Amino acid sequence: MRYLLGIVCAIAGALIFTLTLSSLVAGWAVGNASFESPDQVSNYEDMAFIATSAFGLMFGWIVGWAIGNAMGLDSDADEADG
């Protein structure tokens, strides 16, 4: 059950970070660097956007895992009972 809660929170975290923070971080990262070609700008902006979204995914997973652990939703205990 803890895995399910982790997955749901990971999806929610990725969605929230993607919709709110990713574009802001990508714009900030591109604005604070200098580039030689427009392709470099695009690649750097894409990398910053994806990295922020991936961080949101990991953050959500950790939060969901911690909540599941605090609620006593230990998957090992469930398997031992069955």
PDB file of N, CA and C in Angstrom:
ATOM      1  N   MET A   1       0.815  -1.191   0.000  1.00  0.00           N
ATOM      2  CA  MET A   1       0.000   0.000   0.000  1.00  0.00           C
ATOM      3  C   MET A   1       0.866   1.266   0.000  1.00  0.00           C
ATOM      4  N   ARG A   2       2.033   1.146   0.673  1.00  0.00           N
ATOM      5  CA  ARG A   2       2.935   2.286   0.712  1.00  0.00           C
ATOM      6  C   ARG A   2       3.438   2.631  -0.690  1.00  0.00           C
ATOM      7  N   TYR A   3       3.648   1.607  -1.524  1.00  0.00           N
ATOM      8  CA  TYR A   3       4.083   1.836  -2.902  1.00  0.00           C
ATOM      9  C   TYR A   3       3.018   2.603  -3.687  1.00  0.00           C
ATOM     10  N   LEU A   4       1.768   2.225  -3.516  1.00  0.00           N
ATOM     11  CA  LEU A   4       0.680   2.894  -4.220  1.00  0.00           C
ATOM     12  C   LEU A   4       0.589   4.367  -3.822  1.00  0.00           C
ATOM     13  N   LEU A   5       0.699   4.624  -2.540  1.00  0.00           N
ATOM     14  CA  LEU A   5       0.663   6.007  -2.068  1.00  0.00           C
ATOM     15  C   LEU A   5       1.869   6.779  -2.596  1.00  0.00           C
ATOM     16  N   GLY A   6       3.025   6.136  -2.653  1.00  0.00           N
ATOM     17  CA  GLY A   6       4.208   6.772  -3.216  1.00  0.00           C
ATOM     18  C   GLY A   6       4.026   7.123  -4.683  1.00  0.00           C
ATOM     19  N   ILE A   7       3.430   6.221  -5.448  1.00  0.00           N
ATOM     20  CA  ILE A   7       3.204   6.462  -6.875  1.00  0.00           C
ATOM     21  C   ILE A   7       2.207   7.600  -7.086  1.00  0.00           C
ATOM     22  N   VAL A   8       1.124   7.596  -6.332  1.00  0.00           N
ATOM     23  CA  VAL A   8       0.111   8.645  -6.471  1.00  0.00           C
ATOM     24  C   VAL A   8       0.698  10.010  -6.111  1.00  0.00           C
ATOM     25  N   CYS A   9       1.455  10.062  -5.030  1.00  0.00           N
ATOM     26  CA  CYS A   9       2.072  11.331  -4.632  1.00  0.00           C
ATOM     27  C   CYS A   9       3.159  11.754  -5.614  1.00  0.00           C
ATOM     28  N   ALA A  10       3.870  10.797  -6.212  1.00  0.00           N
ATOM     29  CA  ALA A  10       4.886  11.127  -7.213  1.00  0.00           C
ATOM     30  C   ALA A  10       4.245  11.764  -8.436  1.00  0.00           C
ATOM     31  N   ILE A  11       3.139  11.212  -8.881  1.00  0.00           N
ATOM     32  CA  ILE A  11       2.426  11.786 -10.029  1.00  0.00           C
ATOM     33  C   ILE A  11       1.911  13.185  -9.690  1.00  0.00           C
ATOM     34  N   ALA A  12       1.360  13.330  -8.494  1.00  0.00           N
ATOM     35  CA  ALA A  12       0.855  14.643  -8.077  1.00  0.00           C
ATOM     36  C   ALA A  12       1.995  15.653  -7.957  1.00  0.00           C
ATOM     37  N   GLY A  13       3.118  15.225  -7.395  1.00  0.00           N
ATOM     38  CA  GLY A  13       4.267  16.124  -7.266  1.00  0.00           C
ATOM     39  C   GLY A  13       4.803  16.553  -8.615  1.00  0.00           C
ATOM     40  N   ALA A  14       4.926  15.609  -9.548  1.00  0.00           N
ATOM     41  CA  ALA A  14       5.407  15.945 -10.883  1.00  0.00           C
ATOM     42  C   ALA A  14       4.439  16.912 -11.572  1.00  0.00           C
ATOM     43  N   LEU A  15       3.153  16.689 -11.424  1.00  0.00           N
ATOM     44  CA  LEU A  15       2.160  17.565 -12.039  1.00  0.00           C
ATOM     45  C   LEU A  15       2.229  18.974 -11.455  1.00  0.00           C
ATOM     46  N   ILE A  16       2.313  19.060 -10.151  1.00  0.00           N
ATOM     47  CA  ILE A  16       2.364  20.372  -9.499  1.00  0.00           C
ATOM     48  C   ILE A  16       3.633  21.126  -9.885  1.00  0.00           C
ATOM     49  N   PHE A  17       4.786  20.436  -9.844  1.00  0.00           N
ATOM     50  CA  PHE A  17       6.040  21.094 -10.205  1.00  0.00           C
ATOM     51  C   PHE A  17       6.032  21.505 -11.675  1.00  0.00           C
ATOM     52  N   THR A  18       5.488  20.654 -12.550  1.00  0.00           N
ATOM     53  CA  THR A  18       5.459  20.967 -13.976  1.00  0.00           C
ATOM     54  C   THR A  18       4.575  22.174 -14.269  1.00  0.00           C
ATOM     55  N   LEU A  19       3.436  22.240 -13.627  1.00  0.00           N
ATOM     56  CA  LEU A  19       2.502  23.325 -13.902  1.00  0.00           C
ATOM     57  C   LEU A  19       2.875  24.645 -13.235  1.00  0.00           C
ATOM     58  N   THR A  20       3.661  24.586 -12.156  1.00  0.00           N
ATOM     59  CA  THR A  20       3.944  25.819 -11.419  1.00  0.00           C
ATOM     60  C   THR A  20       5.392  26.263 -11.494  1.00  0.00           C
ATOM     61  N   LEU A  21       6.344  25.366 -11.237  1.00  0.00           N
ATOM     62  CA  LEU A  21       7.731  25.787 -11.074  1.00  0.00           C
ATOM     63  C   LEU A  21       8.616  25.583 -12.290  1.00  0.00           C
ATOM     64  N   SER A  22       8.348  24.588 -13.100  1.00  0.00           N
ATOM     65  CA  SER A  22       9.280  24.227 -14.173  1.00  0.00           C
ATOM     66  C   SER A  22       9.526  25.361 -15.152  1.00  0.00           C
ATOM     67  N   SER A  23       8.485  26.033 -15.576  1.00  0.00           N
ATOM     68  CA  SER A  23       8.684  27.116 -16.539  1.00  0.00           C
ATOM     69  C   SER A  23       9.409  28.299 -15.901  1.00  0.00           C
ATOM     70  N   LEU A  24       9.149  28.560 -14.630  1.00  0.00           N
ATOM     71  CA  LEU A  24       9.847  29.649 -13.943  1.00  0.00           C
ATOM     72  C   LEU A  24      11.340  29.347 -13.799  1.00  0.00           C
ATOM     73  N   VAL A  25      11.665  28.124 -13.402  1.00  0.00           N
ATOM     74  CA  VAL A  25      13.062  27.736 -13.239  1.00  0.00           C
ATOM     75  C   VAL A  25      13.774  27.731 -14.585  1.00  0.00           C
ATOM     76  N   ALA A  26      13.110  27.225 -15.620  1.00  0.00           N
ATOM     77  CA  ALA A  26      13.723  27.194 -16.952  1.00  0.00           C
ATOM     78  C   ALA A  26      13.996  28.609 -17.455  1.00  0.00           C
ATOM     79  N   GLY A  27      13.065  29.505 -17.282  1.00  0.00           N
ATOM     80  CA  GLY A  27      13.269  30.889 -17.691  1.00  0.00           C
ATOM     81  C   GLY A  27      14.373  31.570 -16.909  1.00  0.00           C
ATOM     82  N   TRP A  28      14.427  31.304 -15.616  1.00  0.00           N
ATOM     83  CA  TRP A  28      15.482  31.874 -14.780  1.00  0.00           C
ATOM     84  C   TRP A  28      16.850  31.339 -15.192  1.00  0.00           C
ATOM     85  N   ALA A  29      16.933  30.034 -15.445  1.00  0.00           N
ATOM     86  CA  ALA A  29      18.207  29.421 -15.825  1.00  0.00           C
ATOM     87  C   ALA A  29      18.718  29.970 -17.150  1.00  0.00           C
ATOM     88  N   VAL A  30      17.827  30.139 -18.111  1.00  0.00           N
ATOM     89  CA  VAL A  30      18.225  30.670 -19.420  1.00  0.00           C
ATOM     90  C   VAL A  30      18.590  32.150 -19.305  1.00  0.00           C
ATOM     91  N   GLY A  31      17.888  32.883 -18.474  1.00  0.00           N
ATOM     92  CA  GLY A  31      18.161  34.312 -18.315  1.00  0.00           C
ATOM     93  C   GLY A  31      19.489  34.606 -17.650  1.00  0.00           C
ATOM     94  N   ASN A  32      20.004  33.663 -16.862  1.00  0.00           N
ATOM     95  CA  ASN A  32      21.250  33.878 -16.138  1.00  0.00           C
ATOM     96  C   ASN A  32      22.463  33.262 -16.827  1.00  0.00           C
ATOM     97  N   ALA A  33      22.354  32.867 -18.071  1.00  0.00           N
ATOM     98  CA  ALA A  33      23.468  32.261 -18.793  1.00  0.00           C
ATOM     99  C   ALA A  33      23.617  32.942 -20.147  1.00  0.00           C
ATOM    100  N   SER A  34      24.790  32.792 -20.717  1.00  0.00           N
ATOM    101  CA  SER A  34      25.012  33.336 -22.059  1.00  0.00           C
ATOM    102  C   SER A  34      25.232  32.187 -23.034  1.00  0.00           C
ATOM    103  N   PHE A  35      24.740  32.360 -24.245  1.00  0.00           N
ATOM    104  CA  PHE A  35      24.780  31.293 -25.239  1.00  0.00           C
ATOM    105  C   PHE A  35      25.293  31.826 -26.569  1.00  0.00           C
ATOM    106  N   GLU A  36      25.767  30.905 -27.386  1.00  0.00           N
ATOM    107  CA  GLU A  36      26.273  31.281 -28.702  1.00  0.00           C
ATOM    108  C   GLU A  36      25.264  31.046 -29.817  1.00  0.00           C
ATOM    109  N   SER A  37      24.304  30.166 -29.583  1.00  0.00           N
ATOM    110  CA  SER A  37      23.318  29.889 -30.632  1.00  0.00           C
ATOM    111  C   SER A  37      21.935  29.673 -30.012  1.00  0.00           C
ATOM    112  N   PRO A  38      20.890  29.870 -30.792  1.00  0.00           N
ATOM    113  CA  PRO A  38      19.528  29.638 -30.289  1.00  0.00           C
ATOM    114  C   PRO A  38      19.284  28.177 -29.915  1.00  0.00           C
ATOM    115  N   ASP A  39      20.000  27.260 -30.553  1.00  0.00           N
ATOM    116  CA  ASP A  39      19.838  25.850 -30.205  1.00  0.00           C
ATOM    117  C   ASP A  39      20.302  25.575 -28.779  1.00  0.00           C
ATOM    118  N   GLN A  40      21.359  26.230 -28.361  1.00  0.00           N
ATOM    119  CA  GLN A  40      21.843  26.057 -26.994  1.00  0.00           C
ATOM    120  C   GLN A  40      20.815  26.583 -25.992  1.00  0.00           C
ATOM    121  N   VAL A  41      20.173  27.681 -26.316  1.00  0.00           N
ATOM    122  CA  VAL A  41      19.142  28.235 -25.440  1.00  0.00           C
ATOM    123  C   VAL A  41      18.001  27.241 -25.284  1.00  0.00           C
ATOM    124  N   SER A  42      17.553  26.702 -26.383  1.00  0.00           N
ATOM    125  CA  SER A  42      16.450  25.747 -26.365  1.00  0.00           C
ATOM    126  C   SER A  42      16.815  24.486 -25.578  1.00  0.00           C
ATOM    127  N   ASN A  43      18.003  23.964 -25.823  1.00  0.00           N
ATOM    128  CA  ASN A  43      18.430  22.747 -25.129  1.00  0.00           C
ATOM    129  C   ASN A  43      18.553  22.976 -23.623  1.00  0.00           C
ATOM    130  N   TYR A  44      19.111  24.096 -23.235  1.00  0.00           N
ATOM    131  CA  TYR A  44      19.287  24.408 -21.822  1.00  0.00           C
ATOM    132  C   TYR A  44      17.944  24.614 -21.134  1.00  0.00           C
ATOM    133  N   GLU A  45      17.035  25.283 -21.829  1.00  0.00           N
ATOM    134  CA  GLU A  45      15.700  25.503 -21.266  1.00  0.00           C
ATOM    135  C   GLU A  45      14.959  24.180 -21.107  1.00  0.00           C
ATOM    136  N   ASP A  46      15.048  23.312 -22.106  1.00  0.00           N
ATOM    137  CA  ASP A  46      14.418  21.990 -22.014  1.00  0.00           C
ATOM    138  C   ASP A  46      14.999  21.175 -20.863  1.00  0.00           C
ATOM    139  N   MET A  47      16.326  21.220 -20.726  1.00  0.00           N
ATOM    140  CA  MET A  47      16.974  20.465 -19.652  1.00  0.00           C
ATOM    141  C   MET A  47      16.519  20.964 -18.280  1.00  0.00           C
ATOM    142  N   ALA A  48      16.451  22.271 -18.100  1.00  0.00           N
ATOM    143  CA  ALA A  48      16.021  22.827 -16.820  1.00  0.00           C
ATOM    144  C   ALA A  48      14.564  22.475 -16.535  1.00  0.00           C
ATOM    145  N   PHE A  49      13.717  22.513 -17.548  1.00  0.00           N
ATOM    146  CA  PHE A  49      12.300  22.176 -17.384  1.00  0.00           C
ATOM    147  C   PHE A  49      12.134  20.716 -16.965  1.00  0.00           C
ATOM    148  N   ILE A  50      12.820  19.823 -17.663  1.00  0.00           N
ATOM    149  CA  ILE A  50      12.700  18.390 -17.371  1.00  0.00           C
ATOM    150  C   ILE A  50      13.319  18.061 -16.008  1.00  0.00           C
ATOM    151  N   ALA A  51      14.445  18.686 -15.679  1.00  0.00           N
ATOM    152  CA  ALA A  51      15.081  18.425 -14.386  1.00  0.00           C
ATOM    153  C   ALA A  51      14.184  18.866 -13.232  1.00  0.00           C
ATOM    154  N   THR A  52      13.525  19.992 -13.380  1.00  0.00           N
ATOM    155  CA  THR A  52      12.615  20.458 -12.332  1.00  0.00           C
ATOM    156  C   THR A  52      11.416  19.533 -12.196  1.00  0.00           C
ATOM    157  N   SER A  53      10.890  19.066 -13.305  1.00  0.00           N
ATOM    158  CA  SER A  53       9.769  18.121 -13.258  1.00  0.00           C
ATOM    159  C   SER A  53      10.193  16.795 -12.640  1.00  0.00           C
ATOM    160  N   ALA A  54      11.394  16.331 -12.957  1.00  0.00           N
ATOM    161  CA  ALA A  54      11.902  15.081 -12.375  1.00  0.00           C
ATOM    162  C   ALA A  54      12.119  15.231 -10.873  1.00  0.00           C
ATOM    163  N   PHE A  55      12.595  16.399 -10.448  1.00  0.00           N
ATOM    164  CA  PHE A  55      12.738  16.656  -9.022  1.00  0.00           C
ATOM    165  C   PHE A  55      11.380  16.613  -8.327  1.00  0.00           C
ATOM    166  N   GLY A  56      10.358  17.159  -8.966  1.00  0.00           N
ATOM    167  CA  GLY A  56       9.004  17.097  -8.411  1.00  0.00           C
ATOM    168  C   GLY A  56       8.512  15.662  -8.284  1.00  0.00           C
ATOM    169  N   LEU A  57       8.843  14.833  -9.257  1.00  0.00           N
ATOM    170  CA  LEU A  57       8.480  13.413  -9.207  1.00  0.00           C
ATOM    171  C   LEU A  57       9.144  12.735  -8.008  1.00  0.00           C
ATOM    172  N   MET A  58      10.440  12.969  -7.837  1.00  0.00           N
ATOM    173  CA  MET A  58      11.159  12.359  -6.703  1.00  0.00           C
ATOM    174  C   MET A  58      10.670  12.911  -5.372  1.00  0.00           C
ATOM    175  N   PHE A  59      10.408  14.208  -5.320  1.00  0.00           N
ATOM    176  CA  PHE A  59       9.906  14.826  -4.094  1.00  0.00           C
ATOM    177  C   PHE A  59       8.552  14.226  -3.709  1.00  0.00           C
ATOM    178  N   GLY A  60       7.671  14.080  -4.686  1.00  0.00           N
ATOM    179  CA  GLY A  60       6.365  13.483  -4.424  1.00  0.00           C
ATOM    180  C   GLY A  60       6.471  12.047  -3.952  1.00  0.00           C
ATOM    181  N   TRP A  61       7.381  11.284  -4.563  1.00  0.00           N
ATOM    182  CA  TRP A  61       7.575   9.891  -4.146  1.00  0.00           C
ATOM    183  C   TRP A  61       8.039   9.821  -2.691  1.00  0.00           C
ATOM    184  N   ILE A  62       8.994  10.670  -2.321  1.00  0.00           N
ATOM    185  CA  ILE A  62       9.511  10.662  -0.947  1.00  0.00           C
ATOM    186  C   ILE A  62       8.425  11.068   0.034  1.00  0.00           C
ATOM    187  N   VAL A  63       7.641  12.073  -0.301  1.00  0.00           N
ATOM    188  CA  VAL A  63       6.556  12.509   0.577  1.00  0.00           C
ATOM    189  C   VAL A  63       5.514  11.393   0.728  1.00  0.00           C
ATOM    190  N   GLY A  64       5.127  10.770  -0.381  1.00  0.00           N
ATOM    191  CA  GLY A  64       4.156   9.683  -0.319  1.00  0.00           C
ATOM    192  C   GLY A  64       4.667   8.491   0.471  1.00  0.00           C
ATOM    193  N   TRP A  65       5.942   8.171   0.288  1.00  0.00           N
ATOM    194  CA  TRP A  65       6.557   7.063   1.018  1.00  0.00           C
ATOM    195  C   TRP A  65       6.583   7.371   2.516  1.00  0.00           C
ATOM    196  N   ALA A  66       6.925   8.608   2.875  1.00  0.00           N
ATOM    197  CA  ALA A  66       6.976   8.993   4.284  1.00  0.00           C
ATOM    198  C   ALA A  66       5.585   8.975   4.912  1.00  0.00           C
ATOM    199  N   ILE A  67       4.590   9.455   4.187  1.00  0.00           N
ATOM    200  CA  ILE A  67       3.219   9.433   4.708  1.00  0.00           C
ATOM    201  C   ILE A  67       2.752   7.992   4.897  1.00  0.00           C
ATOM    202  N   GLY A  68       3.023   7.143   3.914  1.00  0.00           N
ATOM    203  CA  GLY A  68       2.642   5.737   4.032  1.00  0.00           C
ATOM    204  C   GLY A  68       3.339   5.051   5.186  1.00  0.00           C
ATOM    205  N   ASN A  69       4.592   5.399   5.419  1.00  0.00           N
ATOM    206  CA  ASN A  69       5.328   4.813   6.530  1.00  0.00           C
ATOM    207  C   ASN A  69       4.780   5.303   7.861  1.00  0.00           C
ATOM    208  N   ALA A  70       4.444   6.600   7.936  1.00  0.00           N
ATOM    209  CA  ALA A  70       3.889   7.152   9.168  1.00  0.00           C
ATOM    210  C   ALA A  70       2.508   6.579   9.477  1.00  0.00           C
ATOM    211  N   MET A  71       1.759   6.245   8.437  1.00  0.00           N
ATOM    212  CA  MET A  71       0.423   5.677   8.632  1.00  0.00           C
ATOM    213  C   MET A  71       0.477   4.181   8.922  1.00  0.00           C
ATOM    214  N   GLY A  72       1.660   3.602   8.875  1.00  0.00           N
ATOM    215  CA  GLY A  72       1.790   2.173   9.148  1.00  0.00           C
ATOM    216  C   GLY A  72       1.397   1.303   7.975  1.00  0.00           C
ATOM    217  N   LEU A  73       1.514   1.824   6.771  1.00  0.00           N
ATOM    218  CA  LEU A  73       1.155   1.068   5.574  1.00  0.00           C
ATOM    219  C   LEU A  73       2.375   0.303   5.059  1.00  0.00           C
ATOM    220  N   ASP A  74       3.015  -0.456   5.929  1.00  0.00           N
ATOM    221  CA  ASP A  74       4.232  -1.184   5.576  1.00  0.00           C
ATOM    222  C   ASP A  74       3.879  -2.381   4.704  1.00  0.00           C
ATOM    223  N   SER A  75       4.450  -2.443   3.514  1.00  0.00           N
ATOM    224  CA  SER A  75       4.125  -3.525   2.583  1.00  0.00           C
ATOM    225  C   SER A  75       4.665  -4.862   3.066  1.00  0.00           C
ATOM    226  N   ASP A  76       5.763  -4.861   3.813  1.00  0.00           N
ATOM    227  CA  ASP A  76       6.320  -6.118   4.316  1.00  0.00           C
ATOM    228  C   ASP A  76       5.387  -6.758   5.341  1.00  0.00           C
ATOM    229  N   ALA A  77       4.770  -5.944   6.172  1.00  0.00           N
ATOM    230  CA  ALA A  77       3.841  -6.472   7.171  1.00  0.00           C
ATOM    231  C   ALA A  77       2.595  -7.031   6.500  1.00  0.00           C
ATOM    232  N   ASP A  78       2.142  -6.402   5.396  1.00  0.00           N
ATOM    233  CA  ASP A  78       0.985  -6.892   4.678  1.00  0.00           C
ATOM    234  C   ASP A  78       1.262  -8.242   4.058  1.00  0.00           C
ATOM    235  N   GLU A  79       2.470  -8.445   3.518  1.00  0.00           N
ATOM    236  CA  GLU A  79       2.824  -9.709   2.887  1.00  0.00           C
ATOM    237  C   GLU A  79       2.961 -10.818   3.933  1.00  0.00           C
ATOM    238  N   ALA A  80       3.425 -10.491   5.130  1.00  0.00           N
ATOM    239  CA  ALA A  80       3.596 -11.497   6.165  1.00  0.00           C
ATOM    240  C   ALA A  80       2.251 -11.990   6.686  1.00  0.00           C
ATOM    241  N   ASP A  81       1.252 -11.115   6.694  1.00  0.00           N
ATOM    242  CA  ASP A  81      -0.061 -11.509   7.187  1.00  0.00           C
ATOM    243  C   ASP A  81      -0.786 -12.415   6.215  1.00  0.00           C
ATOM    244  N   GLY A  82      -0.527 -12.244   4.919  1.00  0.00           N
ATOM    245  CA  GLY A  82      -1.276 -12.967   3.897  1.00  0.00           C
ATOM    246  C   GLY A  82      -0.769 -14.304   3.699  1.00  0.00           C
TER     247      GLY A  82
END
